Amino acid sequence: MRKRTVKKLFDEVGPRYRERNGGYTRIVRLGYRRGDAAPLSIIELV
């Protein structure tokens, strides 16, 4: 990860979740990729 990305996570994104006790992410399963049938998903910050 780039230093710039880590800084943004800690300075901007992190404080949004300060009061939250858990459940920071949501995983949405999209199915399987054509060709090699690898599972696909999206990870969201809620």
PDB file of N, CA and C in Angstrom:
ATOM      1  N   MET A   1       0.838  -1.175   0.000  1.00  0.00           N
ATOM      2  CA  MET A   1       0.000   0.000   0.000  1.00  0.00           C
ATOM      3  C   MET A   1       0.883   1.238   0.000  1.00  0.00           C
ATOM      4  N   ARG A   2       0.456   2.224  -0.701  1.00  0.00           N
ATOM      5  CA  ARG A   2       1.199   3.474  -0.727  1.00  0.00           C
ATOM      6  C   ARG A   2       1.029   4.232   0.579  1.00  0.00           C
ATOM      7  N   LYS A   3       2.044   4.984   0.929  1.00  0.00           N
ATOM      8  CA  LYS A   3       1.981   5.784   2.158  1.00  0.00           C
ATOM      9  C   LYS A   3       0.809   6.752   2.115  1.00  0.00           C
ATOM     10  N   ARG A   4       0.541   7.307   0.944  1.00  0.00           N
ATOM     11  CA  ARG A   4      -0.562   8.257   0.782  1.00  0.00           C
ATOM     12  C   ARG A   4      -1.903   7.589   1.096  1.00  0.00           C
ATOM     13  N   THR A   5      -2.060   6.350   0.648  1.00  0.00           N
ATOM     14  CA  THR A   5      -3.306   5.620   0.892  1.00  0.00           C
ATOM     15  C   THR A   5      -3.485   5.319   2.375  1.00  0.00           C
ATOM     16  N   VAL A   6      -2.424   4.873   3.020  1.00  0.00           N
ATOM     17  CA  VAL A   6      -2.490   4.568   4.451  1.00  0.00           C
ATOM     18  C   VAL A   6      -2.812   5.828   5.244  1.00  0.00           C
ATOM     19  N   LYS A   7      -2.189   6.937   4.889  1.00  0.00           N
ATOM     20  CA  LYS A   7      -2.449   8.211   5.572  1.00  0.00           C
ATOM     21  C   LYS A   7      -3.914   8.601   5.437  1.00  0.00           C
ATOM     22  N   LYS A   8      -4.472   8.456   4.240  1.00  0.00           N
ATOM     23  CA  LYS A   8      -5.875   8.806   4.019  1.00  0.00           C
ATOM     24  C   LYS A   8      -6.797   7.896   4.838  1.00  0.00           C
ATOM     25  N   LEU A   9      -6.472   6.607   4.901  1.00  0.00           N
ATOM     26  CA  LEU A   9      -7.289   5.686   5.693  1.00  0.00           C
ATOM     27  C   LEU A   9      -7.334   6.098   7.158  1.00  0.00           C
ATOM     28  N   PHE A  10      -6.187   6.429   7.718  1.00  0.00           N
ATOM     29  CA  PHE A  10      -6.131   6.778   9.138  1.00  0.00           C
ATOM     30  C   PHE A  10      -6.643   8.188   9.419  1.00  0.00           C
ATOM     31  N   ASP A  11      -6.423   9.126   8.515  1.00  0.00           N
ATOM     32  CA  ASP A  11      -6.802  10.518   8.762  1.00  0.00           C
ATOM     33  C   ASP A  11      -8.240  10.846   8.373  1.00  0.00           C
ATOM     34  N   GLU A  12      -8.763  10.210   7.329  1.00  0.00           N
ATOM     35  CA  GLU A  12     -10.092  10.567   6.826  1.00  0.00           C
ATOM     36  C   GLU A  12     -11.136   9.473   7.031  1.00  0.00           C
ATOM     37  N   VAL A  13     -10.792   8.253   6.684  1.00  0.00           N
ATOM     38  CA  VAL A  13     -11.771   7.168   6.750  1.00  0.00           C
ATOM     39  C   VAL A  13     -11.934   6.654   8.180  1.00  0.00           C
ATOM     40  N   GLY A  14     -10.849   6.446   8.882  1.00  0.00           N
ATOM     41  CA  GLY A  14     -10.887   5.910  10.244  1.00  0.00           C
ATOM     42  C   GLY A  14     -11.778   6.675  11.200  1.00  0.00           C
ATOM     43  N   PRO A  15     -11.661   8.007  11.262  1.00  0.00           N
ATOM     44  CA  PRO A  15     -12.496   8.767  12.198  1.00  0.00           C
ATOM     45  C   PRO A  15     -14.002   8.616  11.967  1.00  0.00           C
ATOM     46  N   ARG A  16     -14.422   8.275  10.757  1.00  0.00           N
ATOM     47  CA  ARG A  16     -15.852   8.072  10.487  1.00  0.00           C
ATOM     48  C   ARG A  16     -16.420   6.912  11.298  1.00  0.00           C
ATOM     49  N   TYR A  17     -15.571   5.954  11.646  1.00  0.00           N
ATOM     50  CA  TYR A  17     -16.018   4.743  12.326  1.00  0.00           C
ATOM     51  C   TYR A  17     -15.679   4.743  13.812  1.00  0.00           C
ATOM     52  N   ARG A  18     -15.280   5.858  14.344  1.00  0.00           N
ATOM     53  CA  ARG A  18     -14.846   5.958  15.744  1.00  0.00           C
ATOM     54  C   ARG A  18     -15.930   5.492  16.717  1.00  0.00           C
ATOM     55  N   GLU A  19     -17.159   5.875  16.499  1.00  0.00           N
ATOM     56  CA  GLU A  19     -18.251   5.547  17.422  1.00  0.00           C
ATOM     57  C   GLU A  19     -18.897   4.195  17.129  1.00  0.00           C
ATOM     58  N   ARG A  20     -18.520   3.558  16.063  1.00  0.00           N
ATOM     59  CA  ARG A  20     -19.134   2.290  15.660  1.00  0.00           C
ATOM     60  C   ARG A  20     -18.494   1.136  16.434  1.00  0.00           C
ATOM     61  N   ASN A  21     -19.318   0.242  16.970  1.00  0.00           N
ATOM     62  CA  ASN A  21     -18.824  -0.869  17.783  1.00  0.00           C
ATOM     63  C   ASN A  21     -18.460  -2.107  16.976  1.00  0.00           C
ATOM     64  N   GLY A  22     -18.714  -2.103  15.724  1.00  0.00           N
ATOM     65  CA  GLY A  22     -18.408  -3.260  14.881  1.00  0.00           C
ATOM     66  C   GLY A  22     -19.201  -3.172  13.599  1.00  0.00           C
ATOM     67  N   GLY A  23     -19.062  -4.151  12.745  1.00  0.00           N
ATOM     68  CA  GLY A  23     -19.795  -4.164  11.489  1.00  0.00           C
ATOM     69  C   GLY A  23     -19.305  -3.107  10.525  1.00  0.00           C
ATOM     70  N   TYR A  24     -18.001  -3.009  10.361  1.00  0.00           N
ATOM     71  CA  TYR A  24     -17.415  -1.966   9.521  1.00  0.00           C
ATOM     72  C   TYR A  24     -17.485  -2.287   8.037  1.00  0.00           C
ATOM     73  N   THR A  25     -17.612  -3.563   7.711  1.00  0.00           N
ATOM     74  CA  THR A  25     -17.570  -3.969   6.307  1.00  0.00           C
ATOM     75  C   THR A  25     -18.789  -4.795   5.934  1.00  0.00           C
ATOM     76  N   ARG A  26     -19.043  -4.821   4.638  1.00  0.00           N
ATOM     77  CA  ARG A  26     -20.095  -5.661   4.067  1.00  0.00           C
ATOM     78  C   ARG A  26     -19.446  -6.403   2.904  1.00  0.00           C
ATOM     79  N   ILE A  27     -19.670  -7.702   2.828  1.00  0.00           N
ATOM     80  CA  ILE A  27     -19.151  -8.500   1.724  1.00  0.00           C
ATOM     81  C   ILE A  27     -20.325  -8.906   0.848  1.00  0.00           C
ATOM     82  N   VAL A  28     -20.277  -8.523  -0.424  1.00  0.00           N
ATOM     83  CA  VAL A  28     -21.317  -8.862  -1.383  1.00  0.00           C
ATOM     84  C   VAL A  28     -20.735  -9.894  -2.341  1.00  0.00           C
ATOM     85  N   ARG A  29     -21.288 -11.080  -2.324  1.00  0.00           N
ATOM     86  CA  ARG A  29     -20.808 -12.135  -3.211  1.00  0.00           C
ATOM     87  C   ARG A  29     -21.449 -11.959  -4.581  1.00  0.00           C
ATOM     88  N   LEU A  30     -20.621 -11.975  -5.619  1.00  0.00           N
ATOM     89  CA  LEU A  30     -21.087 -11.703  -6.970  1.00  0.00           C
ATOM     90  C   LEU A  30     -21.252 -12.947  -7.828  1.00  0.00           C
ATOM     91  N   GLY A  31     -20.842 -14.074  -7.331  1.00  0.00           N
ATOM     92  CA  GLY A  31     -20.914 -15.298  -8.120  1.00  0.00           C
ATOM     93  C   GLY A  31     -19.514 -15.768  -8.472  1.00  0.00           C
ATOM     94  N   TYR A  32     -19.398 -16.368  -9.660  1.00  0.00           N
ATOM     95  CA  TYR A  32     -18.129 -16.952 -10.059  1.00  0.00           C
ATOM     96  C   TYR A  32     -17.670 -16.391 -11.400  1.00  0.00           C
ATOM     97  N   ARG A  33     -16.372 -16.247 -11.546  1.00  0.00           N
ATOM     98  CA  ARG A  33     -15.772 -15.716 -12.767  1.00  0.00           C
ATOM     99  C   ARG A  33     -15.810 -16.781 -13.855  1.00  0.00           C
ATOM    100  N   ARG A  34     -16.126 -16.347 -15.069  1.00  0.00           N
ATOM    101  CA  ARG A  34     -16.104 -17.259 -16.203  1.00  0.00           C
ATOM    102  C   ARG A  34     -14.667 -17.670 -16.482  1.00  0.00           C
ATOM    103  N   GLY A  35     -14.491 -18.872 -16.901  1.00  0.00           N
ATOM    104  CA  GLY A  35     -13.164 -19.345 -17.259  1.00  0.00           C
ATOM    105  C   GLY A  35     -12.554 -20.217 -16.189  1.00  0.00           C
ATOM    106  N   ASP A  36     -12.300 -19.658 -15.009  1.00  0.00           N
ATOM    107  CA  ASP A  36     -11.665 -20.455 -13.958  1.00  0.00           C
ATOM    108  C   ASP A  36     -12.561 -20.650 -12.734  1.00  0.00           C
ATOM    109  N   ALA A  37     -13.766 -20.123 -12.777  1.00  0.00           N
ATOM    110  CA  ALA A  37     -14.760 -20.294 -11.708  1.00  0.00           C
ATOM    111  C   ALA A  37     -14.278 -19.781 -10.353  1.00  0.00           C
ATOM    112  N   ALA A  38     -13.404 -18.778 -10.360  1.00  0.00           N
ATOM    113  CA  ALA A  38     -12.952 -18.175  -9.104  1.00  0.00           C
ATOM    114  C   ALA A  38     -14.094 -17.354  -8.506  1.00  0.00           C
ATOM    115  N   PRO A  39     -14.301 -17.445  -7.198  1.00  0.00           N
ATOM    116  CA  PRO A  39     -15.372 -16.662  -6.575  1.00  0.00           C
ATOM    117  C   PRO A  39     -15.062 -15.163  -6.619  1.00  0.00           C
ATOM    118  N   LEU A  40     -16.090 -14.355  -6.882  1.00  0.00           N
ATOM    119  CA  LEU A  40     -15.957 -12.904  -6.948  1.00  0.00           C
ATOM    120  C   LEU A  40     -16.786 -12.265  -5.850  1.00  0.00           C
ATOM    121  N   SER A  41     -16.266 -11.190  -5.284  1.00  0.00           N
ATOM    122  CA  SER A  41     -17.014 -10.451  -4.268  1.00  0.00           C
ATOM    123  C   SER A  41     -16.512  -9.017  -4.210  1.00  0.00           C
ATOM    124  N   ILE A  42     -17.308  -8.174  -3.569  1.00  0.00           N
ATOM    125  CA  ILE A  42     -16.954  -6.777  -3.336  1.00  0.00           C
ATOM    126  C   ILE A  42     -16.966  -6.569  -1.827  1.00  0.00           C
ATOM    127  N   ILE A  43     -15.952  -5.893  -1.320  1.00  0.00           N
ATOM    128  CA  ILE A  43     -15.907  -5.555   0.100  1.00  0.00           C
ATOM    129  C   ILE A  43     -16.184  -4.067   0.220  1.00  0.00           C
ATOM    130  N   GLU A  44     -17.232  -3.701   0.972  1.00  0.00           N
ATOM    131  CA  GLU A  44     -17.632  -2.306   1.134  1.00  0.00           C
ATOM    132  C   GLU A  44     -17.426  -1.863   2.578  1.00  0.00           C
ATOM    133  N   LEU A  45     -17.019  -0.627   2.760  1.00  0.00           N
ATOM    134  CA  LEU A  45     -17.021  -0.018   4.087  1.00  0.00           C
ATOM    135  C   LEU A  45     -18.393   0.597   4.273  1.00  0.00           C
ATOM    136  N   VAL A  46     -19.078   0.229   5.359  1.00  0.00           N
ATOM    137  CA  VAL A  46     -20.449   0.724   5.560  1.00  0.00           C
ATOM    138  C   VAL A  46     -20.477   1.927   6.468  1.00  0.00           C
TER     139      VAL A  46
END
